[in-house]
Full PDB file with SEQRES, HELIX, SHEET, SSBOND, CRYST1, ORIGX, SCALE, CONECT and MASTER records, all heavy atoms in Angstrom:
SEQRES   1 A   32  VAL VAL ARG LEU ASN ARG ASP PHE GLN VAL PRO ILE GLY          
SEQRES   2 A   32  LEU THR LEU SER PRO PRO ALA ASP ASP LEU ASP GLY LEU          
SEQRES   3 A   32  SER SER ILE VAL THR ILE                                      
HELIX    1 AA1 VAL A    2  ASP A    7  1                                   6    
HELIX    2 AA2 LEU A   26  THR A   31  1                                   6    
CRYST1    1.000    1.000    1.000  90.00  90.00  90.00 P 1           1          
ORIGX1      1.000000  0.000000  0.000000        0.00000                         
ORIGX2      0.000000  1.000000  0.000000        0.00000                         
ORIGX3      0.000000  0.000000  1.000000        0.00000                         
SCALE1      1.000000  0.000000  0.000000        0.00000                         
SCALE2      0.000000  1.000000  0.000000        0.00000                         
SCALE3      0.000000  0.000000  1.000000        0.00000                         
ATOM      1  N   VAL A   1       0.844  -1.213  -0.033  1.00  0.00           N  
ATOM      2  CA  VAL A   1       0.046  -0.009  -0.020  1.00  0.00           C  
ATOM      3  C   VAL A   1       0.869   1.225   0.002  1.00  0.00           C  
ATOM      4  O   VAL A   1       0.606   2.190  -0.776  1.00  0.00           O  
ATOM      5  CB  VAL A   1      -0.946  -0.037   1.201  1.00  0.00           C  
ATOM      6  CG1 VAL A   1      -1.646   1.391   1.352  1.00  0.00           C  
ATOM      7  CG2 VAL A   1      -1.968  -1.094   1.022  1.00  0.00           C  
ATOM      8  N   VAL A   2       1.959   1.288   0.825  1.00  0.00           N  
ATOM      9  CA  VAL A   2       2.859   2.415   0.830  1.00  0.00           C  
ATOM     10  C   VAL A   2       3.440   2.631  -0.623  1.00  0.00           C  
ATOM     11  O   VAL A   2       3.501   3.730  -1.129  1.00  0.00           O  
ATOM     12  CB  VAL A   2       3.962   2.148   1.838  1.00  0.00           C  
ATOM     13  CG1 VAL A   2       5.132   3.228   1.668  1.00  0.00           C  
ATOM     14  CG2 VAL A   2       3.410   2.313   3.281  1.00  0.00           C  
ATOM     15  N   ARG A   3       3.905   1.569  -1.219  1.00  0.00           N  
ATOM     16  CA  ARG A   3       4.534   1.633  -2.526  1.00  0.00           C  
ATOM     17  C   ARG A   3       3.433   2.142  -3.563  1.00  0.00           C  
ATOM     18  O   ARG A   3       3.720   2.988  -4.433  1.00  0.00           O  
ATOM     19  CB  ARG A   3       4.977   0.254  -2.988  1.00  0.00           C  
ATOM     20  CG  ARG A   3       5.783   0.343  -4.308  1.00  0.00           C  
ATOM     21  CD  ARG A   3       6.333  -1.002  -4.686  1.00  0.00           C  
ATOM     22  NE  ARG A   3       7.086  -1.722  -3.780  1.00  0.00           N  
ATOM     23  CZ  ARG A   3       8.360  -1.492  -3.401  1.00  0.00           C  
ATOM     24  NH1 ARG A   3       9.005  -0.532  -4.000  1.00  0.00           N  
ATOM     25  NH2 ARG A   3       8.909  -2.202  -2.541  1.00  0.00           N  
ATOM     26  N   LEU A   4       2.269   1.668  -3.536  1.00  0.00           N  
ATOM     27  CA  LEU A   4       1.210   2.091  -4.358  1.00  0.00           C  
ATOM     28  C   LEU A   4       0.856   3.565  -4.189  1.00  0.00           C  
ATOM     29  O   LEU A   4       0.701   4.310  -5.106  1.00  0.00           O  
ATOM     30  CB  LEU A   4      -0.074   1.153  -4.234  1.00  0.00           C  
ATOM     31  CG  LEU A   4       0.060  -0.253  -4.755  1.00  0.00           C  
ATOM     32  CD1 LEU A   4      -1.075  -1.098  -4.260  1.00  0.00           C  
ATOM     33  CD2 LEU A   4       0.126  -0.092  -6.352  1.00  0.00           C  
ATOM     34  N   ASN A   5       0.709   3.918  -2.893  1.00  0.00           N  
ATOM     35  CA  ASN A   5       0.473   5.359  -2.658  1.00  0.00           C  
ATOM     36  C   ASN A   5       1.571   6.279  -3.082  1.00  0.00           C  
ATOM     37  O   ASN A   5       1.315   7.344  -3.602  1.00  0.00           O  
ATOM     38  CB  ASN A   5       0.254   5.577  -1.122  1.00  0.00           C  
ATOM     39  CG  ASN A   5      -1.093   5.113  -0.668  1.00  0.00           C  
ATOM     40  OD1 ASN A   5      -2.019   5.060  -1.437  1.00  0.00           O  
ATOM     41  ND2 ASN A   5      -1.114   4.747   0.636  1.00  0.00           N  
ATOM     42  N   ARG A   6       2.800   5.840  -3.036  1.00  0.00           N  
ATOM     43  CA  ARG A   6       3.939   6.691  -3.336  1.00  0.00           C  
ATOM     44  C   ARG A   6       4.135   6.722  -4.907  1.00  0.00           C  
ATOM     45  O   ARG A   6       4.437   7.762  -5.401  1.00  0.00           O  
ATOM     46  CB  ARG A   6       5.238   6.087  -2.709  1.00  0.00           C  
ATOM     47  CG  ARG A   6       6.466   6.891  -2.958  1.00  0.00           C  
ATOM     48  CD  ARG A   6       7.674   6.184  -2.490  1.00  0.00           C  
ATOM     49  NE  ARG A   6       7.983   5.031  -3.321  1.00  0.00           N  
ATOM     50  CZ  ARG A   6       8.403   3.931  -2.829  1.00  0.00           C  
ATOM     51  NH1 ARG A   6       8.718   3.712  -1.532  1.00  0.00           N  
ATOM     52  NH2 ARG A   6       8.556   2.794  -3.652  1.00  0.00           N  
ATOM     53  N   ASP A   7       3.961   5.608  -5.565  1.00  0.00           N  
ATOM     54  CA  ASP A   7       4.311   5.469  -6.917  1.00  0.00           C  
ATOM     55  C   ASP A   7       3.120   5.658  -7.992  1.00  0.00           C  
ATOM     56  O   ASP A   7       3.363   6.038  -9.126  1.00  0.00           O  
ATOM     57  CB  ASP A   7       4.989   4.195  -7.246  1.00  0.00           C  
ATOM     58  CG  ASP A   7       6.304   4.007  -6.521  1.00  0.00           C  
ATOM     59  OD1 ASP A   7       6.789   4.994  -6.052  1.00  0.00           O  
ATOM     60  OD2 ASP A   7       6.803   2.892  -6.414  1.00  0.00           O  
ATOM     61  N   PHE A   8       1.912   5.493  -7.483  1.00  0.00           N  
ATOM     62  CA  PHE A   8       0.752   5.547  -8.363  1.00  0.00           C  
ATOM     63  C   PHE A   8      -0.429   6.313  -7.824  1.00  0.00           C  
ATOM     64  O   PHE A   8      -0.946   5.935  -6.699  1.00  0.00           O  
ATOM     65  CB  PHE A   8       0.310   4.085  -8.767  1.00  0.00           C  
ATOM     66  CG  PHE A   8       1.353   3.303  -9.340  1.00  0.00           C  
ATOM     67  CD1 PHE A   8       2.039   2.466  -8.582  1.00  0.00           C  
ATOM     68  CD2 PHE A   8       1.616   3.440 -10.684  1.00  0.00           C  
ATOM     69  CE1 PHE A   8       3.096   1.664  -9.192  1.00  0.00           C  
ATOM     70  CE2 PHE A   8       2.640   2.696 -11.238  1.00  0.00           C  
ATOM     71  CZ  PHE A   8       3.346   1.788 -10.549  1.00  0.00           C  
ATOM     72  N   GLN A   9      -0.693   7.442  -8.400  1.00  0.00           N  
ATOM     73  CA  GLN A   9      -1.846   8.193  -7.940  1.00  0.00           C  
ATOM     74  C   GLN A   9      -3.069   8.028  -8.790  1.00  0.00           C  
ATOM     75  O   GLN A   9      -2.896   7.696 -10.032  1.00  0.00           O  
ATOM     76  CB  GLN A   9      -1.476   9.755  -7.968  1.00  0.00           C  
ATOM     77  CG  GLN A   9      -0.260  10.088  -7.130  1.00  0.00           C  
ATOM     78  CD  GLN A   9      -0.398   9.716  -5.674  1.00  0.00           C  
ATOM     79  OE1 GLN A   9      -1.470   9.988  -5.116  1.00  0.00           O  
ATOM     80  NE2 GLN A   9       0.572   9.128  -5.113  1.00  0.00           N  
ATOM     81  N   VAL A  10      -4.201   8.123  -8.240  1.00  0.00           N  
ATOM     82  CA  VAL A  10      -5.458   8.016  -9.067  1.00  0.00           C  
ATOM     83  C   VAL A  10      -5.485   9.166  -9.991  1.00  0.00           C  
ATOM     84  O   VAL A  10      -5.508  10.290  -9.642  1.00  0.00           O  
ATOM     85  CB  VAL A  10      -6.670   7.951  -8.177  1.00  0.00           C  
ATOM     86  CG1 VAL A  10      -8.023   7.856  -8.964  1.00  0.00           C  
ATOM     87  CG2 VAL A  10      -6.662   6.855  -7.123  1.00  0.00           C  
ATOM     88  N   PRO A  11      -5.558   8.849 -11.313  1.00  0.00           N  
ATOM     89  CA  PRO A  11      -5.744   9.911 -12.316  1.00  0.00           C  
ATOM     90  C   PRO A  11      -6.954  10.693 -12.140  1.00  0.00           C  
ATOM     91  O   PRO A  11      -8.059  10.190 -11.690  1.00  0.00           O  
ATOM     92  CB  PRO A  11      -5.792   9.240 -13.608  1.00  0.00           C  
ATOM     93  CG  PRO A  11      -5.276   7.884 -13.395  1.00  0.00           C  
ATOM     94  CD  PRO A  11      -5.539   7.541 -11.985  1.00  0.00           C  
ATOM     95  N   ILE A  12      -6.901  11.984 -12.380  1.00  0.00           N  
ATOM     96  CA  ILE A  12      -8.007  12.907 -12.166  1.00  0.00           C  
ATOM     97  C   ILE A  12      -9.173  12.440 -13.179  1.00  0.00           C  
ATOM     98  O   ILE A  12      -8.967  12.079 -14.256  1.00  0.00           O  
ATOM     99  CB  ILE A  12      -7.627  14.363 -12.580  1.00  0.00           C  
ATOM    100  CG1 ILE A  12      -6.595  14.860 -11.586  1.00  0.00           C  
ATOM    101  CG2 ILE A  12      -8.898  15.200 -12.536  1.00  0.00           C  
ATOM    102  CD1 ILE A  12      -6.017  16.178 -11.944  1.00  0.00           C  
ATOM    103  N   GLY A  13     -10.378  12.335 -12.613  1.00  0.00           N  
ATOM    104  CA  GLY A  13     -11.490  11.913 -13.412  1.00  0.00           C  
ATOM    105  C   GLY A  13     -11.713  10.418 -13.322  1.00  0.00           C  
ATOM    106  O   GLY A  13     -12.832   9.859 -13.736  1.00  0.00           O  
ATOM    107  N   LEU A  14     -10.800   9.582 -12.836  1.00  0.00           N  
ATOM    108  CA  LEU A  14     -11.070   8.159 -12.710  1.00  0.00           C  
ATOM    109  C   LEU A  14     -11.757   7.864 -11.343  1.00  0.00           C  
ATOM    110  O   LEU A  14     -11.363   8.191 -10.317  1.00  0.00           O  
ATOM    111  CB  LEU A  14      -9.658   7.323 -12.710  1.00  0.00           C  
ATOM    112  CG  LEU A  14      -9.861   5.858 -12.498  1.00  0.00           C  
ATOM    113  CD1 LEU A  14     -10.524   5.224 -13.694  1.00  0.00           C  
ATOM    114  CD2 LEU A  14      -8.446   5.241 -12.293  1.00  0.00           C  
ATOM    115  N   THR A  15     -12.950   7.329 -11.579  1.00  0.00           N  
ATOM    116  CA  THR A  15     -13.706   6.920 -10.377  1.00  0.00           C  
ATOM    117  C   THR A  15     -13.970   5.420 -10.413  1.00  0.00           C  
ATOM    118  O   THR A  15     -14.297   4.880 -11.475  1.00  0.00           O  
ATOM    119  CB  THR A  15     -15.096   7.718 -10.283  1.00  0.00           C  
ATOM    120  OG1 THR A  15     -15.772   7.421 -11.525  1.00  0.00           O  
ATOM    121  CG2 THR A  15     -14.923   9.200 -10.101  1.00  0.00           C  
ATOM    122  N   LEU A  16     -13.726   4.807  -9.317  1.00  0.00           N  
ATOM    123  CA  LEU A  16     -14.051   3.403  -9.204  1.00  0.00           C  
ATOM    124  C   LEU A  16     -15.370   3.071  -8.669  1.00  0.00           C  
ATOM    125  O   LEU A  16     -15.844   3.778  -7.834  1.00  0.00           O  
ATOM    126  CB  LEU A  16     -12.877   2.754  -8.319  1.00  0.00           C  
ATOM    127  CG  LEU A  16     -11.477   2.930  -8.711  1.00  0.00           C  
ATOM    128  CD1 LEU A  16     -10.578   2.301  -7.604  1.00  0.00           C  
ATOM    129  CD2 LEU A  16     -11.185   2.309 -10.003  1.00  0.00           C  
ATOM    130  N   SER A  17     -15.985   2.124  -9.260  1.00  0.00           N  
ATOM    131  CA  SER A  17     -17.293   1.681  -8.774  1.00  0.00           C  
ATOM    132  C   SER A  17     -17.063   1.076  -7.378  1.00  0.00           C  
ATOM    133  O   SER A  17     -15.962   0.774  -7.059  1.00  0.00           O  
ATOM    134  CB  SER A  17     -17.943   0.684  -9.736  1.00  0.00           C  
ATOM    135  OG  SER A  17     -17.070  -0.431  -9.820  1.00  0.00           O  
ATOM    136  N   PRO A  18     -18.069   0.964  -6.624  1.00  0.00           N  
ATOM    137  CA  PRO A  18     -17.920   0.462  -5.248  1.00  0.00           C  
ATOM    138  C   PRO A  18     -17.219  -0.968  -5.300  1.00  0.00           C  
ATOM    139  O   PRO A  18     -17.390  -1.740  -6.314  1.00  0.00           O  
ATOM    140  CB  PRO A  18     -19.407   0.248  -4.759  1.00  0.00           C  
ATOM    141  CG  PRO A  18     -20.159   1.170  -5.684  1.00  0.00           C  
ATOM    142  CD  PRO A  18     -19.509   1.184  -6.941  1.00  0.00           C  
ATOM    143  N   PRO A  19     -16.421  -1.152  -4.257  1.00  0.00           N  
ATOM    144  CA  PRO A  19     -15.707  -2.422  -4.257  1.00  0.00           C  
ATOM    145  C   PRO A  19     -16.663  -3.550  -4.171  1.00  0.00           C  
ATOM    146  O   PRO A  19     -17.652  -3.531  -3.489  1.00  0.00           O  
ATOM    147  CB  PRO A  19     -14.878  -2.378  -2.936  1.00  0.00           C  
ATOM    148  CG  PRO A  19     -15.474  -1.331  -2.175  1.00  0.00           C  
ATOM    149  CD  PRO A  19     -16.212  -0.418  -3.059  1.00  0.00           C  
ATOM    150  N   ALA A  20     -16.353  -4.606  -4.985  1.00  0.00           N  
ATOM    151  CA  ALA A  20     -17.234  -5.816  -5.022  1.00  0.00           C  
ATOM    152  C   ALA A  20     -16.475  -6.988  -4.645  1.00  0.00           C  
ATOM    153  O   ALA A  20     -16.965  -8.134  -4.820  1.00  0.00           O  
ATOM    154  CB  ALA A  20     -17.814  -5.961  -6.448  1.00  0.00           C  
ATOM    155  N   ASP A  21     -15.289  -6.882  -4.246  1.00  0.00           N  
ATOM    156  CA  ASP A  21     -14.410  -7.992  -3.903  1.00  0.00           C  
ATOM    157  C   ASP A  21     -14.710  -8.421  -2.493  1.00  0.00           C  
ATOM    158  O   ASP A  21     -14.725  -7.628  -1.512  1.00  0.00           O  
ATOM    159  CB  ASP A  21     -12.930  -7.696  -4.076  1.00  0.00           C  
ATOM    160  CG  ASP A  21     -12.691  -7.262  -5.505  1.00  0.00           C  
ATOM    161  OD1 ASP A  21     -13.144  -7.882  -6.426  1.00  0.00           O  
ATOM    162  OD2 ASP A  21     -11.886  -6.314  -5.633  1.00  0.00           O  
ATOM    163  N   ASP A  22     -14.945  -9.772  -2.359  1.00  0.00           N  
ATOM    164  CA  ASP A  22     -15.245 -10.293  -0.986  1.00  0.00           C  
ATOM    165  C   ASP A  22     -14.037 -10.939  -0.457  1.00  0.00           C  
ATOM    166  O   ASP A  22     -13.204 -11.580  -1.200  1.00  0.00           O  
ATOM    167  CB  ASP A  22     -16.374 -11.350  -1.038  1.00  0.00           C  
ATOM    168  CG  ASP A  22     -17.744 -10.694  -1.268  1.00  0.00           C  
ATOM    169  OD1 ASP A  22     -17.986  -9.584  -0.753  1.00  0.00           O  
ATOM    170  OD2 ASP A  22     -18.620 -11.409  -1.880  1.00  0.00           O  
ATOM    171  N   LEU A  23     -13.822 -10.854   0.867  1.00  0.00           N  
ATOM    172  CA  LEU A  23     -12.768 -11.541   1.578  1.00  0.00           C  
ATOM    173  C   LEU A  23     -13.441 -12.863   2.085  1.00  0.00           C  
ATOM    174  O   LEU A  23     -14.023 -12.872   3.233  1.00  0.00           O  
ATOM    175  CB  LEU A  23     -12.231 -10.758   2.721  1.00  0.00           C  
ATOM    176  CG  LEU A  23     -11.459  -9.480   2.417  1.00  0.00           C  
ATOM    177  CD1 LEU A  23     -11.079  -8.696   3.667  1.00  0.00           C  
ATOM    178  CD2 LEU A  23     -10.201  -9.804   1.596  1.00  0.00           C  
ATOM    179  N   ASP A  24     -13.362 -13.850   1.277  1.00  0.00           N  
ATOM    180  CA  ASP A  24     -14.008 -15.126   1.681  1.00  0.00           C  
ATOM    181  C   ASP A  24     -12.922 -16.172   1.945  1.00  0.00           C  
ATOM    182  O   ASP A  24     -12.868 -17.271   1.359  1.00  0.00           O  
ATOM    183  CB  ASP A  24     -14.908 -15.588   0.590  1.00  0.00           C  
ATOM    184  CG  ASP A  24     -15.754 -16.808   0.942  1.00  0.00           C  
ATOM    185  OD1 ASP A  24     -15.965 -16.998   2.164  1.00  0.00           O  
ATOM    186  OD2 ASP A  24     -16.154 -17.518   0.093  1.00  0.00           O  
ATOM    187  N   GLY A  25     -11.892 -15.872   2.747  1.00  0.00           N  
ATOM    188  CA  GLY A  25     -10.862 -16.802   3.063  1.00  0.00           C  
ATOM    189  C   GLY A  25      -9.693 -16.688   2.089  1.00  0.00           C  
ATOM    190  O   GLY A  25      -9.620 -15.893   1.167  1.00  0.00           O  
ATOM    191  N   LEU A  26      -8.711 -17.500   2.399  1.00  0.00           N  
ATOM    192  CA  LEU A  26      -7.446 -17.463   1.635  1.00  0.00           C  
ATOM    193  C   LEU A  26      -7.573 -17.735   0.098  1.00  0.00           C  
ATOM    194  O   LEU A  26      -6.992 -17.073  -0.690  1.00  0.00           O  
ATOM    195  CB  LEU A  26      -6.521 -18.541   2.239  1.00  0.00           C  
ATOM    196  CG  LEU A  26      -5.966 -18.293   3.540  1.00  0.00           C  
ATOM    197  CD1 LEU A  26      -5.179 -19.521   4.147  1.00  0.00           C  
ATOM    198  CD2 LEU A  26      -5.062 -17.063   3.585  1.00  0.00           C  
ATOM    199  N   SER A  27      -8.499 -18.645  -0.216  1.00  0.00           N  
ATOM    200  CA  SER A  27      -8.685 -18.956  -1.682  1.00  0.00           C  
ATOM    201  C   SER A  27      -9.131 -17.685  -2.438  1.00  0.00           C  
ATOM    202  O   SER A  27      -8.625 -17.423  -3.474  1.00  0.00           O  
ATOM    203  CB  SER A  27      -9.709 -20.035  -1.820  1.00  0.00           C  
ATOM    204  OG  SER A  27      -9.299 -21.289  -1.275  1.00  0.00           O  
ATOM    205  N   SER A  28     -10.161 -16.989  -1.841  1.00  0.00           N  
ATOM    206  CA  SER A  28     -10.599 -15.779  -2.581  1.00  0.00           C  
ATOM    207  C   SER A  28      -9.572 -14.733  -2.623  1.00  0.00           C  
ATOM    208  O   SER A  28      -9.517 -14.027  -3.669  1.00  0.00           O  
ATOM    209  CB  SER A  28     -11.917 -15.357  -1.973  1.00  0.00           C  
ATOM    210  OG  SER A  28     -11.708 -14.685  -0.758  1.00  0.00           O  
ATOM    211  N   ILE A  29      -8.874 -14.536  -1.553  1.00  0.00           N  
ATOM    212  CA  ILE A  29      -7.786 -13.493  -1.522  1.00  0.00           C  
ATOM    213  C   ILE A  29      -6.754 -13.780  -2.550  1.00  0.00           C  
ATOM    214  O   ILE A  29      -6.369 -12.840  -3.260  1.00  0.00           O  
ATOM    215  CB  ILE A  29      -7.239 -13.413  -0.092  1.00  0.00           C  
ATOM    216  CG1 ILE A  29      -8.296 -12.979   0.897  1.00  0.00           C  
ATOM    217  CG2 ILE A  29      -6.060 -12.494  -0.065  1.00  0.00           C  
ATOM    218  CD1 ILE A  29      -7.879 -13.106   2.373  1.00  0.00           C  
ATOM    219  N   VAL A  30      -6.267 -14.987  -2.631  1.00  0.00           N  
ATOM    220  CA  VAL A  30      -5.264 -15.355  -3.738  1.00  0.00           C  
ATOM    221  C   VAL A  30      -5.830 -15.169  -5.070  1.00  0.00           C  
ATOM    222  O   VAL A  30      -5.156 -14.616  -5.970  1.00  0.00           O  
ATOM    223  CB  VAL A  30      -4.816 -16.803  -3.478  1.00  0.00           C  
ATOM    224  CG1 VAL A  30      -3.961 -17.249  -4.624  1.00  0.00           C  
ATOM    225  CG2 VAL A  30      -4.011 -16.876  -2.167  1.00  0.00           C  
ATOM    226  N   THR A  31      -7.108 -15.659  -5.325  1.00  0.00           N  
ATOM    227  CA  THR A  31      -7.644 -15.533  -6.668  1.00  0.00           C  
ATOM    228  C   THR A  31      -7.781 -14.081  -7.063  1.00  0.00           C  
ATOM    229  O   THR A  31      -7.461 -13.727  -8.222  1.00  0.00           O  
ATOM    230  CB  THR A  31      -9.137 -16.142  -6.632  1.00  0.00           C  
ATOM    231  OG1 THR A  31      -8.960 -17.553  -6.288  1.00  0.00           O  
ATOM    232  CG2 THR A  31      -9.746 -16.024  -7.971  1.00  0.00           C  
ATOM    233  N   ILE A  32      -8.268 -13.248  -6.188  1.00  0.00           N  
ATOM    234  CA  ILE A  32      -8.418 -11.786  -6.524  1.00  0.00           C  
ATOM    235  C   ILE A  32      -7.151 -11.131  -6.795  1.00  0.00           C  
ATOM    236  O   ILE A  32      -6.953 -10.426  -7.807  1.00  0.00           O  
ATOM    237  CB  ILE A  32      -9.210 -11.115  -5.421  1.00  0.00           C  
ATOM    238  CG1 ILE A  32     -10.691 -11.586  -5.468  1.00  0.00           C  
ATOM    239  CG2 ILE A  32      -9.214  -9.570  -5.546  1.00  0.00           C  
ATOM    240  CD1 ILE A  32     -11.522 -11.258  -4.196  1.00  0.00           C  
TER     241      ILE A  32                                                      
MASTER        0    0    0    2    0    0    0    6  240    1    0    3          
END                                                                             
């Protein structure tokens, strides 16, 4: 997260739809 915050900023005008990723255990985390 620190690396992403430092090296990549959200471009102006880019909006992300609400997060739809579920944390359903290790399998889902790895898949995502």
